């Protein structure tokens, strides 16, 4: 087993990259610098050229950052609902996550429940960090603690 590589990585930026569900965006972690490289289909060739060229020239240096799958996001909503104490809010959230448009309806219900909305952001943020750290562990990378 190889030794883990230790890098300074912006954990918030990594979490944002993993949560970006757009299929037009890709993110790559530079395994030498810890920098996160963003590629988009909507960036002109000159703008995207440099990071894309770097990644193409040294593919072993870059690890594509995985995206959160929609079923994982859905599971997070289900898990959060189990932590809600107010039965009325629980009922509204359970209805909201049924069928197409579940993510939007879930967020809409939380707009009227500011305390739960704040708890949701904390819950979701903790899950994102957990997922990012697990991924880094899977690719044999650890964060420099500051």
Foldseek 3Di string as FASTA:
>chain_A
DDAFAEEAADLVVLLVQQAPPDPQKWWKQQQVHNDIDIGGPPDDCVVRVPVVVVCVVCVVRIDIRHHDDVVNVLVLLVVLLVVDDDPVLSVQLVVLCPDPPSVVSNVVSCVVVVVSNVVSVVSSVVVSSVVSQVVSVVVRYDYDDD
